[in-house]
N, C-alpha and C. Protein backbone atom coordinates (compact mmCIF):
# COMPACT_ATOMS: atom_id res chain seq x y z
N UNK A 1 23.29 20.83 7.33
CA UNK A 1 22.02 20.81 6.58
C UNK A 1 21.99 22.01 5.62
N UNK A 2 21.74 21.76 4.37
CA UNK A 2 21.67 22.82 3.36
C UNK A 2 20.22 23.21 3.11
N UNK A 3 19.99 24.50 2.96
CA UNK A 3 18.64 25.02 2.70
C UNK A 3 18.68 25.90 1.47
N UNK A 4 17.61 25.89 0.72
CA UNK A 4 17.49 26.72 -0.47
C UNK A 4 16.32 27.68 -0.26
N UNK A 5 16.62 28.98 -0.36
CA UNK A 5 15.62 30.02 -0.15
C UNK A 5 15.25 30.64 -1.48
N UNK A 6 13.98 30.93 -1.63
CA UNK A 6 13.49 31.60 -2.84
C UNK A 6 12.67 32.81 -2.42
N UNK A 7 12.83 33.89 -3.19
CA UNK A 7 12.10 35.13 -2.91
C UNK A 7 10.68 35.00 -3.49
N UNK A 8 9.68 34.84 -2.63
CA UNK A 8 8.28 34.70 -3.04
C UNK A 8 7.43 35.87 -2.54
N UNK A 9 8.09 37.04 -2.35
CA UNK A 9 7.32 38.18 -1.85
C UNK A 9 6.32 38.72 -2.86
N UNK A 10 6.50 38.34 -4.13
CA UNK A 10 5.56 38.80 -5.16
C UNK A 10 4.42 37.81 -5.38
N UNK A 11 4.32 36.76 -4.54
CA UNK A 11 3.26 35.76 -4.67
C UNK A 11 2.41 35.79 -3.41
N UNK A 12 1.12 35.91 -3.60
CA UNK A 12 0.18 35.94 -2.48
C UNK A 12 -0.70 34.72 -2.56
N UNK A 13 -0.74 33.93 -1.48
CA UNK A 13 -1.63 32.78 -1.47
C UNK A 13 -3.02 33.21 -1.07
N UNK A 14 -3.99 32.92 -1.92
CA UNK A 14 -5.36 33.32 -1.67
C UNK A 14 -6.19 32.07 -1.43
N UNK A 15 -6.81 31.97 -0.27
CA UNK A 15 -7.64 30.82 0.04
C UNK A 15 -8.91 30.83 -0.79
N UNK A 16 -9.57 29.67 -0.81
CA UNK A 16 -10.71 29.48 -1.69
C UNK A 16 -12.03 29.99 -1.11
N UNK A 17 -12.03 30.49 0.14
CA UNK A 17 -13.27 30.96 0.72
C UNK A 17 -13.85 32.12 -0.09
N UNK A 18 -15.17 32.14 -0.18
CA UNK A 18 -15.86 33.12 -1.01
C UNK A 18 -16.27 34.35 -0.21
N UNK A 19 -15.30 35.04 0.37
CA UNK A 19 -15.67 36.28 1.05
C UNK A 19 -15.24 37.47 0.21
N UNK A 20 -15.79 38.63 0.52
CA UNK A 20 -15.46 39.83 -0.23
C UNK A 20 -14.12 40.40 0.19
N UNK A 21 -13.56 41.26 -0.66
CA UNK A 21 -12.29 41.89 -0.36
C UNK A 21 -12.48 42.97 0.70
N UNK A 22 -11.49 43.10 1.58
CA UNK A 22 -11.52 44.18 2.56
C UNK A 22 -11.26 45.49 1.83
N UNK A 23 -12.14 46.47 1.94
CA UNK A 23 -12.01 47.69 1.15
C UNK A 23 -11.08 48.71 1.74
N UNK A 24 -10.49 48.43 2.87
CA UNK A 24 -9.68 49.44 3.53
C UNK A 24 -8.36 49.70 2.83
N UNK A 25 -7.65 50.68 3.34
CA UNK A 25 -6.35 51.07 2.74
C UNK A 25 -5.36 49.94 2.88
N UNK A 26 -4.54 49.79 1.85
CA UNK A 26 -3.50 48.77 1.87
C UNK A 26 -3.96 47.40 1.43
N UNK A 27 -5.25 47.23 1.07
CA UNK A 27 -5.78 45.94 0.66
C UNK A 27 -6.14 45.90 -0.82
N UNK A 28 -5.73 46.89 -1.60
CA UNK A 28 -6.04 46.91 -3.02
C UNK A 28 -5.22 45.86 -3.73
N UNK A 29 -5.84 45.22 -4.73
CA UNK A 29 -5.17 44.18 -5.50
C UNK A 29 -4.76 44.77 -6.84
N UNK A 30 -3.52 44.51 -7.28
CA UNK A 30 -3.06 45.03 -8.56
C UNK A 30 -1.64 45.49 -8.45
N UNK A 31 -1.18 46.23 -9.46
CA UNK A 31 0.21 46.70 -9.47
C UNK A 31 0.33 47.98 -8.68
N UNK A 32 1.54 48.21 -8.21
CA UNK A 32 1.84 49.43 -7.47
C UNK A 32 2.79 50.29 -8.28
N UNK A 33 2.76 51.55 -8.01
CA UNK A 33 3.68 52.46 -8.69
C UNK A 33 4.93 52.61 -7.87
N UNK A 34 6.02 52.80 -8.53
CA UNK A 34 7.28 52.95 -7.82
C UNK A 34 8.42 52.59 -8.73
N UNK A 35 9.64 52.73 -8.26
CA UNK A 35 10.81 52.39 -9.08
C UNK A 35 10.79 50.93 -9.51
N UNK A 36 11.26 50.68 -10.71
CA UNK A 36 11.24 49.32 -11.25
C UNK A 36 12.11 48.38 -10.44
N UNK A 37 13.14 48.95 -9.77
CA UNK A 37 14.03 48.10 -8.99
C UNK A 37 13.46 47.73 -7.63
N UNK A 38 12.37 48.38 -7.25
CA UNK A 38 11.75 48.11 -5.95
C UNK A 38 10.85 46.89 -6.07
N UNK A 39 11.13 45.76 -5.33
CA UNK A 39 10.27 44.57 -5.43
C UNK A 39 8.83 44.85 -5.07
N UNK A 40 8.60 45.83 -4.18
CA UNK A 40 7.23 46.11 -3.78
C UNK A 40 6.42 46.74 -4.89
N UNK A 41 7.13 47.26 -5.92
CA UNK A 41 6.40 47.90 -7.01
C UNK A 41 5.99 46.93 -8.09
N UNK A 42 6.42 45.65 -8.01
CA UNK A 42 6.11 44.67 -9.03
C UNK A 42 4.66 44.19 -8.89
N UNK A 43 4.02 43.74 -9.99
CA UNK A 43 2.64 43.22 -9.90
C UNK A 43 2.55 42.06 -8.94
N UNK A 44 1.46 41.99 -8.20
CA UNK A 44 1.23 40.93 -7.23
C UNK A 44 0.48 39.80 -7.91
N UNK A 45 1.03 38.59 -7.83
CA UNK A 45 0.39 37.40 -8.39
C UNK A 45 -0.45 36.74 -7.32
N UNK A 46 -1.53 36.11 -7.76
CA UNK A 46 -2.40 35.38 -6.84
C UNK A 46 -2.45 33.93 -7.26
N UNK A 47 -2.46 33.02 -6.28
CA UNK A 47 -2.54 31.60 -6.57
C UNK A 47 -3.34 30.91 -5.49
N UNK A 48 -4.03 29.84 -5.87
CA UNK A 48 -4.76 29.03 -4.90
C UNK A 48 -4.08 27.69 -4.67
N UNK A 49 -2.88 27.51 -5.23
CA UNK A 49 -2.15 26.24 -5.10
C UNK A 49 -1.08 26.37 -4.03
N UNK A 50 -0.94 25.33 -3.22
CA UNK A 50 0.11 25.31 -2.22
C UNK A 50 1.46 25.17 -2.90
N UNK A 51 2.50 25.81 -2.35
CA UNK A 51 3.83 25.70 -2.97
C UNK A 51 4.41 24.30 -2.75
N UNK A 52 5.43 23.98 -3.55
CA UNK A 52 6.10 22.69 -3.39
C UNK A 52 5.66 21.68 -4.44
N UNK A 53 6.39 20.55 -4.46
CA UNK A 53 6.13 19.50 -5.44
C UNK A 53 4.81 18.80 -5.12
N UNK A 54 3.99 18.60 -6.13
CA UNK A 54 2.70 17.95 -5.95
C UNK A 54 2.84 16.45 -6.24
N UNK A 55 2.45 15.63 -5.26
CA UNK A 55 2.55 14.18 -5.41
C UNK A 55 1.44 13.65 -6.30
N UNK A 56 1.79 12.66 -7.11
CA UNK A 56 0.76 11.95 -7.86
C UNK A 56 0.03 10.99 -6.92
N UNK A 57 -1.09 10.43 -7.39
CA UNK A 57 -1.84 9.49 -6.56
C UNK A 57 -0.97 8.28 -6.22
N UNK A 58 -0.22 7.79 -7.21
CA UNK A 58 0.65 6.63 -6.97
C UNK A 58 1.73 6.93 -5.95
N UNK A 59 2.35 8.13 -6.04
CA UNK A 59 3.39 8.48 -5.09
C UNK A 59 2.83 8.61 -3.67
N UNK A 60 1.63 9.17 -3.57
CA UNK A 60 1.00 9.30 -2.26
C UNK A 60 0.68 7.93 -1.67
N UNK A 61 0.13 7.03 -2.50
CA UNK A 61 -0.23 5.70 -2.01
C UNK A 61 0.99 4.90 -1.58
N UNK A 62 2.12 5.10 -2.29
CA UNK A 62 3.33 4.36 -1.95
C UNK A 62 3.89 4.76 -0.59
N UNK A 63 3.49 5.91 -0.08
CA UNK A 63 3.94 6.34 1.24
C UNK A 63 3.12 5.70 2.36
N UNK A 64 2.04 5.02 1.99
CA UNK A 64 1.16 4.39 2.98
C UNK A 64 1.48 2.90 3.09
N UNK A 65 1.20 2.28 4.24
CA UNK A 65 1.36 0.81 4.34
C UNK A 65 0.34 0.11 3.46
N UNK A 66 0.74 -1.02 2.87
CA UNK A 66 -0.17 -1.75 2.00
C UNK A 66 -1.36 -2.29 2.79
N UNK A 67 -1.07 -2.97 3.88
CA UNK A 67 -2.13 -3.55 4.70
C UNK A 67 -1.75 -3.44 6.17
N UNK A 68 -2.75 -3.53 7.03
CA UNK A 68 -2.53 -3.65 8.46
C UNK A 68 -3.39 -4.80 8.97
N UNK A 69 -2.94 -5.45 10.03
CA UNK A 69 -3.68 -6.55 10.63
C UNK A 69 -4.27 -6.06 11.95
N UNK A 70 -5.59 -6.13 12.06
CA UNK A 70 -6.28 -5.70 13.26
C UNK A 70 -7.28 -6.76 13.67
N UNK A 71 -7.12 -7.29 14.88
CA UNK A 71 -8.00 -8.32 15.41
C UNK A 71 -8.08 -9.53 14.48
N UNK A 72 -6.93 -9.90 13.90
CA UNK A 72 -6.86 -11.07 13.04
C UNK A 72 -7.38 -10.85 11.63
N UNK A 73 -7.75 -9.61 11.29
CA UNK A 73 -8.26 -9.32 9.96
C UNK A 73 -7.28 -8.42 9.22
N UNK A 74 -7.08 -8.71 7.93
CA UNK A 74 -6.20 -7.90 7.10
C UNK A 74 -7.01 -6.78 6.48
N UNK A 75 -6.58 -5.56 6.71
CA UNK A 75 -7.27 -4.38 6.19
C UNK A 75 -6.42 -3.78 5.09
N UNK A 76 -7.00 -3.67 3.91
CA UNK A 76 -6.30 -3.12 2.75
C UNK A 76 -6.35 -1.60 2.82
N UNK A 77 -5.24 -0.98 3.21
CA UNK A 77 -5.20 0.47 3.38
C UNK A 77 -5.14 1.18 2.03
N UNK A 78 -4.16 0.79 1.21
CA UNK A 78 -3.97 1.50 -0.06
C UNK A 78 -5.17 1.35 -0.98
N UNK A 79 -5.73 0.13 -1.04
CA UNK A 79 -6.84 -0.10 -1.96
C UNK A 79 -8.05 0.76 -1.64
N UNK A 80 -8.37 0.87 -0.33
CA UNK A 80 -9.54 1.66 0.05
C UNK A 80 -9.34 3.14 -0.24
N UNK A 81 -8.12 3.66 0.05
CA UNK A 81 -7.86 5.07 -0.20
C UNK A 81 -7.81 5.35 -1.69
N UNK A 82 -7.20 4.44 -2.46
CA UNK A 82 -7.14 4.64 -3.91
C UNK A 82 -8.53 4.66 -4.52
N UNK A 83 -9.41 3.81 -4.00
CA UNK A 83 -10.78 3.77 -4.51
C UNK A 83 -11.49 5.09 -4.25
N UNK A 84 -11.27 5.68 -3.08
CA UNK A 84 -11.91 6.96 -2.77
C UNK A 84 -11.32 8.10 -3.59
N UNK A 85 -9.99 8.08 -3.78
CA UNK A 85 -9.35 9.16 -4.53
C UNK A 85 -9.75 9.14 -5.99
N UNK A 86 -9.91 7.98 -6.55
CA UNK A 86 -10.25 7.87 -7.97
C UNK A 86 -11.74 7.88 -8.22
N UNK A 87 -12.53 7.90 -7.15
CA UNK A 87 -13.98 7.96 -7.32
C UNK A 87 -14.55 6.73 -7.97
N UNK A 88 -13.93 5.58 -7.73
CA UNK A 88 -14.38 4.34 -8.38
C UNK A 88 -15.14 3.48 -7.40
N UNK A 89 -16.06 4.07 -6.67
CA UNK A 89 -16.79 3.32 -5.67
C UNK A 89 -17.70 2.27 -6.29
N UNK A 90 -18.04 2.45 -7.56
CA UNK A 90 -18.93 1.49 -8.20
C UNK A 90 -18.22 0.19 -8.57
N UNK A 91 -16.87 0.27 -8.73
CA UNK A 91 -16.12 -0.93 -9.10
C UNK A 91 -15.71 -1.67 -7.84
N UNK A 92 -15.69 -2.98 -7.89
CA UNK A 92 -15.37 -3.81 -6.74
C UNK A 92 -13.87 -3.99 -6.63
N UNK A 93 -13.30 -3.66 -5.47
CA UNK A 93 -11.88 -3.80 -5.27
C UNK A 93 -11.55 -5.25 -4.95
N UNK A 94 -10.30 -5.68 -5.28
CA UNK A 94 -9.92 -7.05 -4.97
C UNK A 94 -10.02 -7.33 -3.48
N UNK A 95 -10.45 -8.55 -3.13
CA UNK A 95 -10.61 -8.91 -1.72
C UNK A 95 -9.32 -9.53 -1.20
N UNK A 96 -9.05 -9.27 0.07
CA UNK A 96 -7.88 -9.81 0.74
C UNK A 96 -8.37 -10.85 1.75
N UNK A 97 -7.85 -12.07 1.65
CA UNK A 97 -8.31 -13.19 2.46
C UNK A 97 -7.15 -13.73 3.27
N UNK A 98 -7.34 -13.80 4.58
CA UNK A 98 -6.33 -14.35 5.47
C UNK A 98 -6.63 -15.83 5.70
N UNK A 99 -5.77 -16.70 5.17
CA UNK A 99 -5.97 -18.15 5.28
C UNK A 99 -5.37 -18.64 6.59
N UNK A 100 -6.15 -19.42 7.32
CA UNK A 100 -5.69 -19.90 8.63
C UNK A 100 -4.68 -21.03 8.45
N UNK A 101 -3.54 -20.85 9.06
CA UNK A 101 -2.46 -21.84 9.07
C UNK A 101 -2.02 -22.04 10.52
N UNK A 102 -1.25 -23.09 10.81
CA UNK A 102 -0.76 -23.28 12.18
C UNK A 102 0.03 -22.08 12.70
N UNK A 103 0.79 -21.43 11.83
CA UNK A 103 1.55 -20.25 12.25
C UNK A 103 0.63 -19.10 12.61
N UNK A 104 -0.45 -18.95 11.86
CA UNK A 104 -1.41 -17.89 12.16
C UNK A 104 -2.14 -18.17 13.47
N UNK A 105 -2.51 -19.42 13.70
CA UNK A 105 -3.17 -19.80 14.95
C UNK A 105 -2.25 -19.50 16.14
N UNK A 106 -0.96 -19.83 15.99
CA UNK A 106 0.00 -19.56 17.07
C UNK A 106 0.12 -18.06 17.32
N UNK A 107 0.08 -17.28 16.24
CA UNK A 107 0.16 -15.82 16.38
C UNK A 107 -1.06 -15.27 17.11
N UNK A 108 -2.25 -15.77 16.77
CA UNK A 108 -3.46 -15.32 17.45
C UNK A 108 -3.43 -15.68 18.93
N UNK A 109 -2.97 -16.91 19.23
CA UNK A 109 -2.89 -17.33 20.64
C UNK A 109 -1.90 -16.47 21.41
N UNK A 110 -0.83 -16.09 20.77
CA UNK A 110 0.15 -15.22 21.43
C UNK A 110 -0.46 -13.86 21.75
N UNK A 111 -1.23 -13.30 20.81
CA UNK A 111 -1.85 -11.99 21.04
C UNK A 111 -2.91 -12.04 22.12
N UNK A 112 -3.57 -13.20 22.24
CA UNK A 112 -4.62 -13.33 23.25
C UNK A 112 -4.07 -13.63 24.63
N UNK A 113 -2.81 -14.04 24.71
CA UNK A 113 -2.22 -14.38 26.01
C UNK A 113 -1.93 -13.13 26.81
N UNK A 114 -1.79 -13.31 28.13
CA UNK A 114 -1.43 -12.20 28.99
C UNK A 114 -0.06 -11.67 28.61
N UNK A 115 0.10 -10.36 28.68
CA UNK A 115 1.33 -9.74 28.21
C UNK A 115 2.56 -10.24 28.97
N UNK A 116 2.41 -10.52 30.26
CA UNK A 116 3.55 -10.97 31.06
C UNK A 116 3.98 -12.38 30.69
N UNK A 117 3.02 -13.24 30.35
CA UNK A 117 3.33 -14.63 30.03
C UNK A 117 3.37 -14.88 28.52
N UNK A 118 3.30 -13.81 27.74
CA UNK A 118 3.26 -13.95 26.28
C UNK A 118 4.60 -14.43 25.76
N UNK A 119 4.62 -15.50 24.95
CA UNK A 119 5.89 -15.99 24.40
C UNK A 119 6.45 -15.03 23.36
N UNK A 120 7.72 -15.19 23.07
CA UNK A 120 8.36 -14.33 22.08
C UNK A 120 7.81 -14.62 20.68
N UNK A 121 7.84 -13.59 19.85
CA UNK A 121 7.36 -13.75 18.48
C UNK A 121 8.29 -14.68 17.70
N UNK A 122 7.70 -15.63 16.99
CA UNK A 122 8.51 -16.56 16.20
C UNK A 122 9.24 -15.80 15.09
N UNK A 123 10.53 -16.07 14.94
CA UNK A 123 11.33 -15.37 13.94
C UNK A 123 11.47 -16.15 12.65
N UNK A 124 10.93 -17.37 12.62
CA UNK A 124 11.08 -18.20 11.42
C UNK A 124 9.74 -18.35 10.70
N UNK A 125 8.94 -17.27 10.70
CA UNK A 125 7.63 -17.29 10.04
C UNK A 125 7.66 -16.32 8.86
N UNK A 126 7.24 -16.81 7.71
CA UNK A 126 7.20 -16.00 6.50
C UNK A 126 5.76 -15.57 6.20
N UNK A 127 5.63 -14.37 5.67
CA UNK A 127 4.33 -13.85 5.25
C UNK A 127 4.26 -13.88 3.73
N UNK A 128 3.31 -14.65 3.19
CA UNK A 128 3.17 -14.80 1.75
C UNK A 128 1.88 -14.12 1.29
N UNK A 129 2.01 -13.33 0.24
CA UNK A 129 0.85 -12.71 -0.42
C UNK A 129 0.69 -13.40 -1.78
N UNK A 130 -0.41 -14.11 -1.96
CA UNK A 130 -0.63 -14.90 -3.17
C UNK A 130 -1.85 -14.34 -3.90
N UNK A 131 -1.64 -13.86 -5.13
CA UNK A 131 -2.73 -13.28 -5.91
C UNK A 131 -3.34 -14.35 -6.82
N UNK A 132 -4.67 -14.40 -6.87
CA UNK A 132 -5.39 -15.41 -7.66
C UNK A 132 -5.18 -15.18 -9.15
N UNK A 133 -5.62 -16.15 -9.95
CA UNK A 133 -5.42 -16.10 -11.39
C UNK A 133 -6.04 -14.85 -12.04
N UNK A 134 -7.23 -14.45 -11.57
CA UNK A 134 -7.90 -13.30 -12.17
C UNK A 134 -7.57 -12.00 -11.45
N UNK A 135 -6.74 -12.07 -10.41
CA UNK A 135 -6.34 -10.87 -9.70
C UNK A 135 -7.40 -10.31 -8.77
N UNK A 136 -8.54 -11.00 -8.64
CA UNK A 136 -9.63 -10.49 -7.82
C UNK A 136 -9.46 -10.81 -6.34
N UNK A 137 -8.58 -11.75 -6.01
CA UNK A 137 -8.37 -12.14 -4.62
C UNK A 137 -6.88 -12.19 -4.30
N UNK A 138 -6.55 -11.78 -3.09
CA UNK A 138 -5.18 -11.89 -2.58
C UNK A 138 -5.23 -12.67 -1.29
N UNK A 139 -4.49 -13.77 -1.23
CA UNK A 139 -4.46 -14.64 -0.06
C UNK A 139 -3.22 -14.32 0.77
N UNK A 140 -3.41 -14.14 2.06
CA UNK A 140 -2.31 -13.91 2.99
C UNK A 140 -2.11 -15.17 3.81
N UNK A 141 -0.88 -15.69 3.82
CA UNK A 141 -0.57 -16.90 4.57
C UNK A 141 0.66 -16.68 5.44
N UNK A 142 0.56 -17.14 6.69
CA UNK A 142 1.70 -17.16 7.61
C UNK A 142 2.20 -18.60 7.68
N UNK A 143 3.47 -18.83 7.29
CA UNK A 143 4.00 -20.18 7.26
C UNK A 143 5.43 -20.19 7.80
N UNK A 144 5.79 -21.33 8.42
CA UNK A 144 7.15 -21.51 8.90
C UNK A 144 8.11 -21.64 7.71
N UNK A 145 9.35 -21.22 7.94
CA UNK A 145 10.37 -21.33 6.89
C UNK A 145 10.53 -22.78 6.43
N UNK A 146 10.29 -23.73 7.35
CA UNK A 146 10.52 -25.15 7.04
C UNK A 146 9.34 -25.80 6.32
N UNK A 147 8.21 -25.11 6.21
CA UNK A 147 7.07 -25.67 5.48
C UNK A 147 7.36 -25.63 3.98
N UNK A 148 6.66 -26.48 3.25
CA UNK A 148 6.99 -26.72 1.85
C UNK A 148 6.00 -26.06 0.89
N UNK A 149 6.40 -26.07 -0.38
CA UNK A 149 5.52 -25.59 -1.44
C UNK A 149 4.25 -26.44 -1.49
N UNK A 150 4.41 -27.75 -1.23
CA UNK A 150 3.25 -28.64 -1.21
C UNK A 150 2.26 -28.24 -0.12
N UNK A 151 2.76 -27.84 1.03
CA UNK A 151 1.87 -27.40 2.10
C UNK A 151 1.20 -26.07 1.75
N UNK A 152 1.94 -25.19 1.10
CA UNK A 152 1.33 -23.94 0.62
C UNK A 152 0.19 -24.25 -0.34
N UNK A 153 0.43 -25.18 -1.25
CA UNK A 153 -0.61 -25.56 -2.21
C UNK A 153 -1.81 -26.18 -1.49
N UNK A 154 -1.54 -26.97 -0.44
CA UNK A 154 -2.63 -27.61 0.30
C UNK A 154 -3.49 -26.57 1.01
N UNK A 155 -2.85 -25.54 1.61
CA UNK A 155 -3.61 -24.48 2.26
C UNK A 155 -4.51 -23.76 1.26
N UNK A 156 -3.96 -23.48 0.08
CA UNK A 156 -4.74 -22.79 -0.95
C UNK A 156 -5.89 -23.66 -1.44
N UNK A 157 -5.61 -24.95 -1.66
CA UNK A 157 -6.66 -25.85 -2.15
C UNK A 157 -7.78 -26.01 -1.12
N UNK A 158 -7.40 -26.05 0.14
CA UNK A 158 -8.40 -26.21 1.19
C UNK A 158 -9.35 -25.02 1.21
N UNK A 159 -8.84 -23.85 0.92
CA UNK A 159 -9.70 -22.66 0.94
C UNK A 159 -10.43 -22.46 -0.38
N UNK A 160 -9.77 -22.75 -1.49
CA UNK A 160 -10.33 -22.44 -2.81
C UNK A 160 -11.28 -23.51 -3.32
N UNK A 161 -11.18 -24.74 -2.83
CA UNK A 161 -12.08 -25.79 -3.29
C UNK A 161 -11.40 -26.76 -4.23
N UNK A 162 -12.05 -27.90 -4.45
CA UNK A 162 -11.47 -28.98 -5.23
C UNK A 162 -11.36 -28.66 -6.72
N UNK A 163 -12.17 -27.75 -7.22
CA UNK A 163 -12.22 -27.53 -8.67
C UNK A 163 -11.09 -26.63 -9.17
N UNK A 164 -10.25 -26.09 -8.28
CA UNK A 164 -9.23 -25.14 -8.71
C UNK A 164 -7.83 -25.64 -8.33
N UNK A 165 -7.52 -26.88 -8.71
CA UNK A 165 -6.23 -27.46 -8.35
C UNK A 165 -5.20 -27.33 -9.48
N UNK A 166 -5.61 -27.05 -10.70
CA UNK A 166 -4.68 -26.97 -11.81
C UNK A 166 -4.16 -25.55 -11.96
N UNK A 167 -3.07 -25.26 -11.25
CA UNK A 167 -2.47 -23.94 -11.32
C UNK A 167 -0.99 -24.04 -10.98
N UNK A 168 -0.23 -23.07 -11.44
CA UNK A 168 1.18 -22.96 -11.10
C UNK A 168 1.37 -21.81 -10.12
N UNK A 169 2.33 -21.97 -9.24
CA UNK A 169 2.71 -20.91 -8.30
C UNK A 169 3.98 -20.28 -8.83
N UNK A 170 3.93 -18.99 -9.11
CA UNK A 170 5.07 -18.31 -9.73
C UNK A 170 5.34 -17.00 -8.99
N UNK A 171 6.53 -16.50 -9.20
CA UNK A 171 6.90 -15.17 -8.71
C UNK A 171 7.18 -14.30 -9.93
N UNK A 172 6.85 -13.01 -9.81
CA UNK A 172 7.01 -12.12 -10.96
C UNK A 172 8.43 -11.60 -11.08
N UNK A 173 9.10 -11.35 -9.96
CA UNK A 173 10.48 -10.84 -10.01
C UNK A 173 11.26 -11.39 -8.84
N UNK A 174 12.28 -12.21 -9.09
CA UNK A 174 12.61 -12.76 -10.41
C UNK A 174 11.57 -13.77 -10.85
N UNK A 175 11.34 -13.87 -12.15
CA UNK A 175 10.31 -14.76 -12.65
C UNK A 175 10.73 -16.21 -12.45
N UNK A 176 9.92 -16.95 -11.70
CA UNK A 176 10.26 -18.33 -11.37
C UNK A 176 8.99 -19.10 -11.06
N UNK A 177 8.98 -20.37 -11.45
CA UNK A 177 7.85 -21.26 -11.18
C UNK A 177 8.27 -22.26 -10.10
N UNK A 178 7.42 -22.42 -9.09
CA UNK A 178 7.72 -23.31 -7.96
C UNK A 178 6.88 -24.58 -8.12
N UNK A 179 7.50 -25.59 -8.75
CA UNK A 179 6.78 -26.82 -9.07
C UNK A 179 7.18 -27.99 -8.19
N UNK A 180 8.27 -27.86 -7.45
CA UNK A 180 8.73 -28.95 -6.59
C UNK A 180 8.06 -28.80 -5.23
N UNK A 181 7.06 -29.64 -4.98
CA UNK A 181 6.29 -29.53 -3.74
C UNK A 181 7.09 -29.92 -2.50
N UNK A 182 8.25 -30.54 -2.67
CA UNK A 182 9.03 -30.98 -1.52
C UNK A 182 9.98 -29.90 -1.01
N UNK A 183 10.18 -28.83 -1.76
CA UNK A 183 11.11 -27.78 -1.35
C UNK A 183 10.47 -26.88 -0.30
N UNK A 184 11.29 -26.45 0.65
CA UNK A 184 10.81 -25.59 1.72
C UNK A 184 10.80 -24.13 1.25
N UNK A 185 10.11 -23.29 2.02
CA UNK A 185 10.09 -21.86 1.71
C UNK A 185 11.49 -21.27 1.78
N UNK A 186 12.28 -21.76 2.76
CA UNK A 186 13.65 -21.26 2.88
C UNK A 186 14.48 -21.63 1.64
N UNK A 187 14.33 -22.85 1.18
CA UNK A 187 15.10 -23.29 0.00
C UNK A 187 14.70 -22.52 -1.24
N UNK A 188 13.43 -22.09 -1.30
CA UNK A 188 12.95 -21.34 -2.47
C UNK A 188 13.21 -19.85 -2.35
N UNK A 189 13.76 -19.40 -1.22
CA UNK A 189 14.01 -17.98 -1.03
C UNK A 189 12.77 -17.17 -0.75
N UNK A 190 11.71 -17.81 -0.26
CA UNK A 190 10.45 -17.12 0.01
C UNK A 190 10.35 -16.71 1.47
N UNK A 191 11.44 -16.18 2.00
CA UNK A 191 11.49 -15.73 3.40
C UNK A 191 12.20 -14.37 3.44
N UNK A 192 11.87 -13.51 4.41
CA UNK A 192 10.80 -13.63 5.41
C UNK A 192 9.42 -13.25 4.86
N UNK A 193 9.37 -12.80 3.61
CA UNK A 193 8.08 -12.52 2.97
C UNK A 193 8.25 -12.59 1.47
N UNK A 194 7.13 -12.78 0.77
CA UNK A 194 7.19 -12.90 -0.69
C UNK A 194 5.81 -12.65 -1.27
N UNK A 195 5.80 -12.20 -2.52
CA UNK A 195 4.57 -12.01 -3.27
C UNK A 195 4.55 -12.99 -4.42
N UNK A 196 3.49 -13.79 -4.51
CA UNK A 196 3.39 -14.84 -5.51
C UNK A 196 2.13 -14.67 -6.34
N UNK A 197 2.13 -15.28 -7.51
CA UNK A 197 0.98 -15.25 -8.41
C UNK A 197 0.56 -16.67 -8.76
N UNK A 198 -0.72 -16.86 -8.99
CA UNK A 198 -1.23 -18.14 -9.47
C UNK A 198 -1.53 -18.03 -10.96
N UNK A 199 -1.13 -19.05 -11.71
CA UNK A 199 -1.33 -19.06 -13.17
C UNK A 199 -2.05 -20.35 -13.54
N UNK A 200 -3.05 -20.25 -14.41
CA UNK A 200 -3.77 -21.42 -14.86
C UNK A 200 -2.84 -22.38 -15.58
N UNK A 201 -2.98 -23.66 -15.32
CA UNK A 201 -2.16 -24.69 -15.96
C UNK A 201 -3.07 -25.52 -16.87
N UNK A 202 -2.65 -25.66 -18.10
CA UNK A 202 -3.44 -26.47 -19.04
C UNK A 202 -3.30 -27.94 -18.68
N UNK A 203 -4.43 -28.66 -18.58
CA UNK A 203 -4.35 -30.08 -18.24
C UNK A 203 -3.64 -30.85 -19.33
N UNK A 204 -2.74 -31.74 -18.94
CA UNK A 204 -1.99 -32.52 -19.93
C UNK A 204 -2.74 -33.77 -20.33
């Protein structure tokens, strides 16, 4: 393990508390007299900033989990903290909606079962994050690898209502449109998780 040491004896960290200076000997602030080669004779700098690299808000948020699931509810961790850090409490953050699917029901039943008789976690379940056309809603879906794009569309339609059926399901990277409703999530490469976007489709 390599370490890098820096001489910071000429830097004094001063906390922000508003107390008076101790007037006793040895507590005077300023330069000292002495040989120029003596580090103790150099002017003392004061700072209220902690040493080290300062993270930006984005870098700090990226170190946190995006969401956590507690009692069947998806909690947006980054969004809530970002809202507090930026002081944007007046603006409404996008809502995260957990859509009930057979895979989600099975997951809830597993969590409610006794720990000794609890079945193993299914390994062929994908977690999909689908953002609405206006970006105001994010839908979370748990689906089997063998379920199809058509079933994904049916789950979304069932939750969103009959008036919002004209849309395309796309991925941003790599950019791709999933228009074949008969293809499975595995065939489309949407396993074990994926982030998708909904785009308005002009009626033909």
